[in-house]
C-alpha atoms as a PDB file:
ATOM      1  CA  MET A   1       0.000   0.000   0.000  1.00  0.00           C
ATOM      2  CA  ALA A   2       1.267   3.449  -0.918  1.00  0.00           C
ATOM      3  CA  THR A   3       1.857   5.914   1.907  1.00  0.00           C
ATOM      4  CA  PRO A   4      -0.430   8.854   1.140  1.00  0.00           C
ATOM      5  CA  THR A   5       0.543  12.508   0.936  1.00  0.00           C
ATOM      6  CA  LEU A   6      -1.371  15.453   2.379  1.00  0.00           C
ATOM      7  CA  LEU A   7      -1.725  18.461   0.064  1.00  0.00           C
ATOM      8  CA  VAL A   8      -2.534  21.628   2.018  1.00  0.00           C
ATOM      9  CA  LEU A   9      -4.058  24.564   0.141  1.00  0.00           C
ATOM     10  CA  ALA A  10      -2.610  27.580   1.938  1.00  0.00           C
ATOM     11  CA  ALA A  11      -2.203  30.242  -0.744  1.00  0.00           C
ATOM     12  CA  GLY A  12      -5.537  32.018  -0.278  1.00  0.00           C
ATOM     13  CA  ILE A  13      -5.496  35.727   0.431  1.00  0.00           C
ATOM     14  CA  GLY A  14      -8.239  35.577   3.091  1.00  0.00           C
ATOM     15  CA  SER A  15     -10.174  38.654   1.961  1.00  0.00           C
ATOM     16  CA  ARG A  16     -13.125  37.923   4.273  1.00  0.00           C
ATOM     17  CA  TYR A  17     -10.793  37.292   7.208  1.00  0.00           C
ATOM     18  CA  GLY A  18      -8.803  40.457   6.681  1.00  0.00           C
ATOM     19  CA  GLY A  19      -5.325  38.924   6.713  1.00  0.00           C
ATOM     20  CA  PHE A  20      -3.337  35.701   6.468  1.00  0.00           C
ATOM     21  CA  LYS A  21      -5.476  33.399   8.602  1.00  0.00           C
ATOM     22  CA  GLN A  22      -3.154  30.515   7.731  1.00  0.00           C
ATOM     23  CA  ILE A  23      -0.597  31.824  10.262  1.00  0.00           C
ATOM     24  CA  ASP A  24      -2.853  33.345  12.927  1.00  0.00           C
ATOM     25  CA  PRO A  25      -2.109  31.585  16.273  1.00  0.00           C
ATOM     26  CA  VAL A  26      -4.971  29.725  17.973  1.00  0.00           C
ATOM     27  CA  GLY A  27      -3.156  27.231  20.252  1.00  0.00           C
ATOM     28  CA  PRO A  28      -1.725  27.789  23.752  1.00  0.00           C
ATOM     29  CA  ASN A  29       1.867  27.858  22.484  1.00  0.00           C
ATOM     30  CA  GLY A  30       1.353  29.787  19.272  1.00  0.00           C
ATOM     31  CA  GLU A  31       0.071  26.822  17.255  1.00  0.00           C
ATOM     32  CA  ILE A  32      -1.931  27.615  14.129  1.00  0.00           C
ATOM     33  CA  VAL A  33      -4.889  25.576  12.842  1.00  0.00           C
ATOM     34  CA  LEU A  34      -2.557  24.027  10.305  1.00  0.00           C
ATOM     35  CA  ASP A  35      -0.367  22.583  13.066  1.00  0.00           C
ATOM     36  CA  TYR A  36      -3.315  20.461  14.217  1.00  0.00           C
ATOM     37  CA  THR A  37      -4.064  19.479  10.609  1.00  0.00           C
ATOM     38  CA  VAL A  38      -0.539  18.199  10.013  1.00  0.00           C
ATOM     39  CA  TYR A  39      -0.366  16.550  13.436  1.00  0.00           C
ATOM     40  CA  ASP A  40      -3.603  14.630  12.779  1.00  0.00           C
ATOM     41  CA  ALA A  41      -2.392  13.570   9.328  1.00  0.00           C
ATOM     42  CA  TRP A  42       0.932  12.358  10.745  1.00  0.00           C
ATOM     43  CA  LYS A  43      -0.832  10.347  13.458  1.00  0.00           C
ATOM     44  CA  SER A  44      -3.159   8.853  10.807  1.00  0.00           C
ATOM     45  CA  GLY A  45      -0.389   7.507   8.578  1.00  0.00           C
ATOM     46  CA  PHE A  46       0.347  10.237   6.040  1.00  0.00           C
ATOM     47  CA  GLY A  47       4.041  10.213   5.188  1.00  0.00           C
ATOM     48  CA  LYS A  48       4.470  13.530   3.407  1.00  0.00           C
ATOM     49  CA  VAL A  49       2.917  16.986   3.384  1.00  0.00           C
ATOM     50  CA  VAL A  50       3.010  19.432   0.472  1.00  0.00           C
ATOM     51  CA  PHE A  51       2.071  23.045   1.189  1.00  0.00           C
ATOM     52  CA  VAL A  52       0.652  25.145  -1.645  1.00  0.00           C
ATOM     53  CA  ILE A  53       1.537  28.687  -0.595  1.00  0.00           C
ATOM     54  CA  SER A  54       2.048  32.144  -1.990  1.00  0.00           C
ATOM     55  CA  PRO A  55       5.633  33.405  -2.311  1.00  0.00           C
ATOM     56  CA  THR A  56       4.774  35.963   0.387  1.00  0.00           C
ATOM     57  CA  LEU A  57       4.431  33.198   2.990  1.00  0.00           C
ATOM     58  CA  ASP A  58       7.410  31.097   1.931  1.00  0.00           C
ATOM     59  CA  ALA A  59       9.868  32.160   4.638  1.00  0.00           C
ATOM     60  CA  THR A  60       7.205  32.067   7.369  1.00  0.00           C
ATOM     61  CA  PHE A  61       6.075  28.550   6.502  1.00  0.00           C
ATOM     62  CA  ARG A  62       9.611  27.183   6.249  1.00  0.00           C
ATOM     63  CA  GLN A  63      10.616  28.697   9.562  1.00  0.00           C
ATOM     64  CA  HIS A  64       7.524  27.245  11.223  1.00  0.00           C
ATOM     65  CA  PHE A  65       7.443  23.705   9.822  1.00  0.00           C
ATOM     66  CA  ASP A  66      11.077  22.950   9.048  1.00  0.00           C
ATOM     67  CA  THR A  67      11.701  22.848  12.804  1.00  0.00           C
ATOM     68  CA  CYS A  68       8.916  20.435  13.804  1.00  0.00           C
ATOM     69  CA  LEU A  69       8.357  18.055  10.864  1.00  0.00           C
ATOM     70  CA  PRO A  70      11.797  16.493  10.181  1.00  0.00           C
ATOM     71  CA  GLY A  71      11.787  12.978  11.586  1.00  0.00           C
ATOM     72  CA  ARG A  72       7.997  12.866  11.396  1.00  0.00           C
ATOM     73  CA  MET A  73       6.965  13.659   7.809  1.00  0.00           C
ATOM     74  CA  GLN A  74       8.601  14.654   4.551  1.00  0.00           C
ATOM     75  CA  VAL A  75       7.751  18.216   3.621  1.00  0.00           C
ATOM     76  CA  ASP A  76       7.680  20.148   0.357  1.00  0.00           C
ATOM     77  CA  TYR A  77       6.510  23.607  -0.706  1.00  0.00           C
ATOM     78  CA  VAL A  78       5.053  24.758  -4.019  1.00  0.00           C
ATOM     79  CA  PHE A  79       3.815  28.182  -5.076  1.00  0.00           C
ATOM     80  CA  GLN A  80       0.401  28.989  -6.477  1.00  0.00           C
ATOM     81  CA  ARG A  81       1.295  31.691  -8.975  1.00  0.00           C
ATOM     82  CA  MET A  82      -1.336  33.460 -11.024  1.00  0.00           C
ATOM     83  CA  ASP A  83       0.930  33.226 -14.077  1.00  0.00           C
ATOM     84  CA  ASP A  84       1.368  29.436 -13.767  1.00  0.00           C
ATOM     85  CA  LEU A  85      -0.958  28.716 -16.691  1.00  0.00           C
ATOM     86  CA  PRO A  86      -1.158  26.285 -19.607  1.00  0.00           C
ATOM     87  CA  PRO A  87       0.644  27.412 -22.776  1.00  0.00           C
ATOM     88  CA  GLY A  88      -1.102  30.167 -24.691  1.00  0.00           C
ATOM     89  CA  PHE A  89      -2.747  31.890 -21.726  1.00  0.00           C
ATOM     90  CA  SER A  90      -1.815  34.957 -19.694  1.00  0.00           C
ATOM     91  CA  VAL A  91      -3.108  36.744 -16.602  1.00  0.00           C
ATOM     92  CA  PRO A  92      -5.639  39.553 -17.229  1.00  0.00           C
ATOM     93  CA  LYS A  93      -4.085  42.922 -16.485  1.00  0.00           C
ATOM     94  CA  ASP A  94      -6.123  43.813 -13.373  1.00  0.00           C
ATOM     95  CA  ARG A  95      -6.643  40.357 -11.852  1.00  0.00           C
ATOM     96  CA  GLN A  96      -5.733  40.285  -8.122  1.00  0.00           C
ATOM     97  CA  LYS A  97      -6.760  36.848  -6.793  1.00  0.00           C
ATOM     98  CA  PRO A  98      -5.468  33.326  -7.539  1.00  0.00           C
ATOM     99  CA  TRP A  99      -7.500  31.060  -9.790  1.00  0.00           C
ATOM    100  CA  GLY A 100      -9.129  28.931  -7.067  1.00  0.00           C
ATOM    101  CA  THR A 101      -8.844  25.475  -5.542  1.00  0.00           C
ATOM    102  CA  GLY A 102      -8.569  23.582  -8.827  1.00  0.00           C
ATOM    103  CA  HIS A 103      -5.591  25.692  -9.832  1.00  0.00           C
ATOM    104  CA  ALA A 104      -4.059  25.336  -6.349  1.00  0.00           C
ATOM    105  CA  ILE A 105      -4.094  21.537  -6.651  1.00  0.00           C
ATOM    106  CA  TRP A 106      -2.759  21.726 -10.209  1.00  0.00           C
ATOM    107  CA  SER A 107       0.150  23.810  -8.870  1.00  0.00           C
ATOM    108  CA  ALA A 108       1.407  20.676  -7.072  1.00  0.00           C
ATOM    109  CA  ARG A 109       1.452  18.514 -10.198  1.00  0.00           C
ATOM    110  CA  ASN A 110       5.254  18.100 -10.120  1.00  0.00           C
ATOM    111  CA  ALA A 111       5.479  17.394  -6.380  1.00  0.00           C
ATOM    112  CA  ILE A 112       3.107  14.431  -5.941  1.00  0.00           C
ATOM    113  CA  ARG A 113       3.381  10.894  -7.321  1.00  0.00           C
ATOM    114  CA  GLU A 114       1.238   9.002  -4.825  1.00  0.00           C
ATOM    115  CA  PRO A 115      -2.420   9.034  -3.671  1.00  0.00           C
ATOM    116  CA  PHE A 116      -3.073  12.257  -1.798  1.00  0.00           C
ATOM    117  CA  GLY A 117      -5.589  14.107   0.301  1.00  0.00           C
ATOM    118  CA  ALA A 118      -6.334  17.781  -0.357  1.00  0.00           C
ATOM    119  CA  VAL A 119      -7.441  20.072   2.486  1.00  0.00           C
ATOM    120  CA  ASN A 120      -7.818  23.758   3.307  1.00  0.00           C
ATOM    121  CA  ALA A 121      -5.186  25.314   5.570  1.00  0.00           C
ATOM    122  CA  ASP A 122      -7.680  27.158   7.771  1.00  0.00           C
ATOM    123  CA  ASP A 123     -10.151  24.313   8.413  1.00  0.00           C
ATOM    124  CA  PHE A 124     -10.106  21.904  11.352  1.00  0.00           C
ATOM    125  CA  TYR A 125     -11.375  18.492  10.176  1.00  0.00           C
ATOM    126  CA  GLY A 126     -10.743  16.134  13.131  1.00  0.00           C
ATOM    127  CA  ARG A 127      -8.445  13.133  13.677  1.00  0.00           C
ATOM    128  CA  GLY A 128     -11.032  10.496  12.786  1.00  0.00           C
ATOM    129  CA  ALA A 129     -11.646  12.087   9.401  1.00  0.00           C
ATOM    130  CA  TYR A 130      -7.924  11.893   8.572  1.00  0.00           C
ATOM    131  CA  GLN A 131      -7.819   8.225   9.522  1.00  0.00           C
ATOM    132  CA  THR A 132     -10.818   7.543   7.277  1.00  0.00           C
ATOM    133  CA  LEU A 133      -9.134   9.359   4.406  1.00  0.00           C
ATOM    134  CA  ALA A 134      -5.756   7.657   4.947  1.00  0.00           C
ATOM    135  CA  ASP A 135      -7.326   4.177   4.941  1.00  0.00           C
ATOM    136  CA  PHE A 136      -9.136   4.943   1.685  1.00  0.00           C
ATOM    137  CA  LEU A 137      -6.031   6.311  -0.040  1.00  0.00           C
ATOM    138  CA  LYS A 138      -3.847   3.375   1.005  1.00  0.00           C
ATOM    139  CA  ALA A 139      -6.215   1.058  -0.853  1.00  0.00           C
ATOM    140  CA  ARG A 140      -5.929   2.938  -4.142  1.00  0.00           C
ATOM    141  CA  SER A 141      -4.035   1.480  -7.088  1.00  0.00           C
ATOM    142  CA  ALA A 142      -2.846   2.890 -10.401  1.00  0.00           C
ATOM    143  CA  ALA A 143      -4.285  -0.288 -11.935  1.00  0.00           C
ATOM    144  CA  ASP A 144      -7.853   0.728 -11.036  1.00  0.00           C
ATOM    145  CA  LYS A 145      -9.913   0.520 -14.233  1.00  0.00           C
ATOM    146  CA  LEU A 146     -11.711   3.738 -13.369  1.00  0.00           C
ATOM    147  CA  PRO A 147      -9.955   6.356 -11.221  1.00  0.00           C
ATOM    148  CA  THR A 148     -11.591   6.294  -7.803  1.00  0.00           C
ATOM    149  CA  TYR A 149     -11.458   9.469  -5.746  1.00  0.00           C
ATOM    150  CA  CYS A 150     -13.254  10.371  -2.530  1.00  0.00           C
ATOM    151  CA  MET A 151     -14.585  13.249  -0.509  1.00  0.00           C
ATOM    152  CA  VAL A 152     -15.286  13.420   3.215  1.00  0.00           C
ATOM    153  CA  ALA A 153     -18.712  14.986   3.727  1.00  0.00           C
ATOM    154  CA  TYR A 154     -19.980  16.940   6.715  1.00  0.00           C
ATOM    155  CA  ARG A 155     -23.538  17.899   7.612  1.00  0.00           C
ATOM    156  CA  LEU A 156     -24.063  21.372   6.132  1.00  0.00           C
ATOM    157  CA  ALA A 157     -25.465  22.958   9.305  1.00  0.00           C
ATOM    158  CA  ASN A 158     -22.313  21.919  11.174  1.00  0.00           C
ATOM    159  CA  THR A 159     -20.073  23.802   8.740  1.00  0.00           C
ATOM    160  CA  LEU A 160     -21.563  27.292   8.929  1.00  0.00           C
ATOM    161  CA  THR A 161     -20.439  30.395  10.776  1.00  0.00           C
ATOM    162  CA  PRO A 162     -22.716  32.979  12.430  1.00  0.00           C
ATOM    163  CA  HIS A 163     -20.490  35.764  11.097  1.00  0.00           C
ATOM    164  CA  GLY A 164     -21.354  35.729   7.383  1.00  0.00           C
ATOM    165  CA  THR A 165     -21.811  33.615   4.270  1.00  0.00           C
ATOM    166  CA  VAL A 166     -19.573  30.720   3.207  1.00  0.00           C
ATOM    167  CA  ALA A 167     -18.930  28.707   0.041  1.00  0.00           C
ATOM    168  CA  ARG A 168     -19.746  24.992   0.131  1.00  0.00           C
ATOM    169  CA  GLY A 169     -20.148  22.200  -2.381  1.00  0.00           C
ATOM    170  CA  ILE A 170     -23.641  20.694  -1.908  1.00  0.00           C
ATOM    171  CA  CYS A 171     -23.505  16.966  -2.672  1.00  0.00           C
ATOM    172  CA  THR A 172     -25.771  14.092  -3.585  1.00  0.00           C
ATOM    173  CA  ALA A 173     -24.760  10.411  -3.569  1.00  0.00           C
ATOM    174  CA  ASP A 174     -26.142   7.377  -5.390  1.00  0.00           C
ATOM    175  CA  GLY A 175     -27.248   4.095  -3.831  1.00  0.00           C
ATOM    176  CA  ARG A 176     -23.669   2.743  -3.848  1.00  0.00           C
ATOM    177  CA  GLY A 177     -22.328   5.681  -1.866  1.00  0.00           C
ATOM    178  CA  PHE A 178     -20.633   7.367  -4.817  1.00  0.00           C
ATOM    179  CA  LEU A 179     -20.985  11.052  -5.550  1.00  0.00           C
ATOM    180  CA  SER A 180     -23.664  11.873  -8.108  1.00  0.00           C
ATOM    181  CA  THR A 181     -23.335  15.656  -8.204  1.00  0.00           C
ATOM    182  CA  VAL A 182     -21.589  18.442  -6.350  1.00  0.00           C
ATOM    183  CA  VAL A 183     -22.722  22.007  -6.905  1.00  0.00           C
ATOM    184  CA  GLU A 184     -20.652  24.900  -5.581  1.00  0.00           C
ATOM    185  CA  ARG A 185     -22.738  27.471  -3.717  1.00  0.00           C
ATOM    186  CA  THR A 186     -20.692  30.566  -2.946  1.00  0.00           C
ATOM    187  CA  LYS A 187     -23.063  32.348  -0.540  1.00  0.00           C
ATOM    188  CA  ILE A 188     -24.605  30.082   2.117  1.00  0.00           C
ATOM    189  CA  GLU A 189     -25.710  31.295   5.524  1.00  0.00           C
ATOM    190  CA  ALA A 190     -27.272  29.769   8.640  1.00  0.00           C
ATOM    191  CA  VAL A 191     -30.951  30.295   9.417  1.00  0.00           C
ATOM    192  CA  ALA A 192     -32.529  30.141  12.867  1.00  0.00           C
ATOM    193  CA  GLY A 193     -33.618  26.635  13.791  1.00  0.00           C
ATOM    194  CA  GLY A 194     -30.675  24.816  12.230  1.00  0.00           C
ATOM    195  CA  SER A 195     -31.516  25.207   8.559  1.00  0.00           C
ATOM    196  CA  ALA A 196     -29.710  27.282   5.932  1.00  0.00           C
ATOM    197  CA  ARG A 197     -30.150  29.119   2.656  1.00  0.00           C
ATOM    198  CA  PHE A 198     -28.040  30.174  -0.325  1.00  0.00           C
ATOM    199  CA  GLN A 199     -28.115  33.232  -2.547  1.00  0.00           C
ATOM    200  CA  ASP A 200     -28.387  32.824  -6.301  1.00  0.00           C
ATOM    201  CA  ALA A 201     -26.591  34.994  -8.822  1.00  0.00           C
ATOM    202  CA  ASP A 202     -29.744  37.078  -9.252  1.00  0.00           C
ATOM    203  CA  GLY A 203     -29.804  37.910  -5.528  1.00  0.00           C
ATOM    204  CA  SER A 204     -32.701  35.635  -4.581  1.00  0.00           C
ATOM    205  CA  TRP A 205     -32.466  33.179  -1.661  1.00  0.00           C
ATOM    206  CA  THR A 206     -33.146  29.428  -1.852  1.00  0.00           C
ATOM    207  CA  PRO A 207     -33.811  27.421   1.347  1.00  0.00           C
ATOM    208  CA  LEU A 208     -31.748  24.390   2.442  1.00  0.00           C
ATOM    209  CA  THR A 209     -32.549  21.907   5.206  1.00  0.00           C
ATOM    210  CA  GLY A 210     -29.095  22.040   6.804  1.00  0.00           C
ATOM    211  CA  ASN A 211     -28.790  18.248   6.522  1.00  0.00           C
ATOM    212  CA  GLU A 212     -27.242  18.267   3.053  1.00  0.00           C
ATOM    213  CA  PRO A 213     -23.839  16.542   2.715  1.00  0.00           C
ATOM    214  CA  ALA A 214     -21.365  19.402   2.291  1.00  0.00           C
ATOM    215  CA  SER A 215     -17.967  19.342   0.696  1.00  0.00           C
ATOM    216  CA  MET A 216     -15.361  21.108   2.815  1.00  0.00           C
ATOM    217  CA  ASN A 217     -12.700  20.818   0.116  1.00  0.00           C
ATOM    218  CA  TYR A 218     -11.646  17.631   1.878  1.00  0.00           C
ATOM    219  CA  TRP A 219     -10.783  15.312  -0.996  1.00  0.00           C
ATOM    220  CA  GLY A 220      -8.812  12.197  -1.777  1.00  0.00           C
ATOM    221  CA  PHE A 221      -7.250  11.714  -5.225  1.00  0.00           C
ATOM    222  CA  THR A 222      -4.759   9.668  -7.185  1.00  0.00           C
ATOM    223  CA  PRO A 223      -2.127  11.336  -9.411  1.00  0.00           C
ATOM    224  CA  SER A 224      -4.350  10.616 -12.422  1.00  0.00           C
ATOM    225  CA  LEU A 225      -6.213  13.795 -11.462  1.00  0.00           C
ATOM    226  CA  PHE A 226      -3.432  16.095 -12.658  1.00  0.00           C
ATOM    227  CA  ASP A 227      -3.817  15.301 -16.383  1.00  0.00           C
ATOM    228  CA  ARG A 228      -7.554  15.812 -16.106  1.00  0.00           C
ATOM    229  CA  LEU A 229      -7.028  19.097 -14.270  1.00  0.00           C
ATOM    230  CA  SER A 230      -4.808  20.316 -17.088  1.00  0.00           C
ATOM    231  CA  SER A 231      -7.528  19.680 -19.653  1.00  0.00           C
ATOM    232  CA  GLU A 232     -10.303  21.167 -17.529  1.00  0.00           C
ATOM    233  CA  PHE A 233      -8.266  24.238 -16.610  1.00  0.00           C
ATOM    234  CA  THR A 234      -7.523  24.881 -20.265  1.00  0.00           C
ATOM    235  CA  GLU A 235     -11.240  24.750 -21.073  1.00  0.00           C
ATOM    236  CA  PHE A 236     -12.007  27.021 -18.123  1.00  0.00           C
ATOM    237  CA  LEU A 237      -9.510  29.635 -19.292  1.00  0.00           C
ATOM    238  CA  LYS A 238     -10.941  29.592 -22.812  1.00  0.00           C
ATOM    239  CA  THR A 239     -14.387  30.534 -21.533  1.00  0.00           C
ATOM    240  CA  ARG A 240     -13.750  32.479 -18.302  1.00  0.00           C
ATOM    241  CA  GLY A 241     -10.066  33.358 -18.286  1.00  0.00           C
ATOM    242  CA  ALA A 242     -10.685  37.017 -19.111  1.00  0.00           C
ATOM    243  CA  GLU A 243     -12.862  37.506 -15.999  1.00  0.00           C
ATOM    244  CA  LEU A 244     -11.100  39.246 -13.124  1.00  0.00           C
ATOM    245  CA  LYS A 245     -12.712  37.202 -10.314  1.00  0.00           C
ATOM    246  CA  SER A 246     -13.514  33.846 -11.924  1.00  0.00           C
ATOM    247  CA  GLU A 247     -12.423  30.776  -9.932  1.00  0.00           C
ATOM    248  CA  PHE A 248     -11.607  27.248 -11.033  1.00  0.00           C
ATOM    249  CA  PHE A 249     -13.316  25.189  -8.296  1.00  0.00           C
ATOM    250  CA  ILE A 250     -12.254  21.597  -7.628  1.00  0.00           C
ATOM    251  CA  PRO A 251     -15.861  20.488  -6.829  1.00  0.00           C
ATOM    252  CA  THR A 252     -16.886  21.653 -10.301  1.00  0.00           C
ATOM    253  CA  VAL A 253     -14.043  19.658 -11.852  1.00  0.00           C
ATOM    254  CA  VAL A 254     -15.017  16.490  -9.985  1.00  0.00           C
ATOM    255  CA  ASP A 255     -18.661  16.962 -10.947  1.00  0.00           C
ATOM    256  CA  THR A 256     -17.692  17.317 -14.614  1.00  0.00           C
ATOM    257  CA  LEU A 257     -15.489  14.214 -14.563  1.00  0.00           C
ATOM    258  CA  ILE A 258     -18.234  12.130 -12.938  1.00  0.00           C
ATOM    259  CA  LYS A 259     -20.784  13.196 -15.561  1.00  0.00           C
ATOM    260  CA  ARG A 260     -18.343  12.255 -18.324  1.00  0.00           C
ATOM    261  CA  GLY A 261     -17.681   8.840 -16.783  1.00  0.00           C
ATOM    262  CA  GLN A 262     -14.005   9.666 -16.268  1.00  0.00           C
ATOM    263  CA  CYS A 263     -13.928   8.951 -12.532  1.00  0.00           C
ATOM    264  CA  GLN A 264     -15.999   7.831  -9.587  1.00  0.00           C
ATOM    265  CA  CYS A 265     -15.910   9.501  -6.196  1.00  0.00           C
ATOM    266  CA  ALA A 266     -16.807   7.755  -2.947  1.00  0.00           C
ATOM    267  CA  VAL A 267     -18.606   9.818  -0.311  1.00  0.00           C
ATOM    268  CA  LEU A 268     -17.025   9.051   3.058  1.00  0.00           C
ATOM    269  CA  SER A 269     -18.873   9.968   6.221  1.00  0.00           C
ATOM    270  CA  THR A 270     -17.368  11.214   9.461  1.00  0.00           C
ATOM    271  CA  ASP A 271     -18.691  12.011  12.899  1.00  0.00           C
ATOM    272  CA  GLU A 272     -15.980  14.606  13.452  1.00  0.00           C
ATOM    273  CA  LYS A 273     -16.892  18.238  14.059  1.00  0.00           C
ATOM    274  CA  TRP A 274     -15.595  20.834  11.623  1.00  0.00           C
ATOM    275  CA  PHE A 275     -14.653  24.360  12.522  1.00  0.00           C
ATOM    276  CA  GLY A 276     -12.702  27.006  10.662  1.00  0.00           C
ATOM    277  CA  MET A 277     -11.598  30.611  10.369  1.00  0.00           C
ATOM    278  CA  THR A 278     -13.577  32.142   7.539  1.00  0.00           C
ATOM    279  CA  TYR A 279     -13.952  35.460   9.385  1.00  0.00           C
ATOM    280  CA  ARG A 280     -11.786  37.080  12.054  1.00  0.00           C
ATOM    281  CA  GLU A 281     -14.758  36.818  14.436  1.00  0.00           C
ATOM    282  CA  ASP A 282     -14.434  33.015  14.189  1.00  0.00           C
ATOM    283  CA  ARG A 283     -11.018  33.017  15.882  1.00  0.00           C
ATOM    284  CA  PRO A 284     -12.170  33.081  19.544  1.00  0.00           C
ATOM    285  CA  LYS A 285     -14.438  30.076  18.940  1.00  0.00           C
ATOM    286  CA  VAL A 286     -11.617  28.174  17.231  1.00  0.00           C
ATOM    287  CA  THR A 287      -9.278  28.935  20.137  1.00  0.00           C
ATOM    288  CA  GLU A 288     -11.930  27.797  22.617  1.00  0.00           C
ATOM    289  CA  SER A 289     -12.591  24.573  20.681  1.00  0.00           C
ATOM    290  CA  ILE A 290      -8.923  23.660  20.530  1.00  0.00           C
ATOM    291  CA  ARG A 291      -8.507  24.352  24.241  1.00  0.00           C
ATOM    292  CA  ALA A 292     -11.426  21.953  24.901  1.00  0.00           C
ATOM    293  CA  LEU A 293      -9.806  19.222  22.792  1.00  0.00           C
ATOM    294  CA  ILE A 294      -6.546  19.646  24.705  1.00  0.00           C
ATOM    295  CA  GLY A 295      -8.485  19.401  27.963  1.00  0.00           C
ATOM    296  CA  ALA A 296     -10.090  16.171  26.739  1.00  0.00           C
ATOM    297  CA  GLY A 297      -6.642  14.692  26.139  1.00  0.00           C
ATOM    298  CA  LEU A 298      -6.834  14.595  22.332  1.00  0.00           C
ATOM    299  CA  TYR A 299      -3.803  16.856  21.915  1.00  0.00           C
ATOM    300  CA  PRO A 300      -0.823  17.656  24.143  1.00  0.00           C
ATOM    301  CA  GLU A 301      -0.557  21.163  25.566  1.00  0.00           C
ATOM    302  CA  LYS A 302       2.557  21.795  23.500  1.00  0.00           C
ATOM    303  CA  LEU A 303       1.660  20.109  20.235  1.00  0.00           C
ATOM    304  CA  TRP A 304       5.093  19.307  18.814  1.00  0.00           C
ATOM    305  CA  GLY A 305       6.758  18.712  22.180  1.00  0.00           C
END
């Protein structure tokens, strides 16, 4: 069985947070959310971590992780650059933001040769979810007739913040437990009573129950994904590359590949609780939650000892 790699998407600007949330301390000894992510992955059997970062954060990330990961996990860093594009394309003059999660994963195409999980840097997913993902990835084989990917789904209502809207992939699964569709909704908010709603492009609101399986950009892939990403990204740039704020979402890519019969994607369930730092107002709750987990004995007071 191949030892899986963890791919961490940490190049986002964090416009809603108002700063680099990837490096904002939340633990008792200056730990960041990402420390707990990597720690859980290490304890669950991941052998390598690849950070997708912006050049601005390069020195900070290396100083932070090059001191605690040697002897535990291999580590590599890749940049998500706006100008890292397929041949024949260029960045629109006034574009400010990266191209989204699909492009972030594609940025690591030369650093990964084994099955890998892809996660957000500012989301806390829980130890059990990493173990579930690691077990799935270890069973993958390049000889699989049809590439088999996975996503770990959370109950939508358990992934929302009271401080504003969030983007989530709303999922449906077939009778075998494989993903049928995943639709990216960019403006979802909680509603009193535990339900939710999302805003359409025309400004109207559509209700949700809150029980929908939600993608938290918590995926498992094999390296076969990279060739498919190249093709899909090229098509995306042909149609939307001139837009200044268009994003190449990985849920949209997976949905397209499923509909074309080019992959299947298992929906894995977890009882873990998600929390994250979408807005700066989320930070106190994250700090409180981590302190509670330390008190319950799930993490040591000083994470890396």
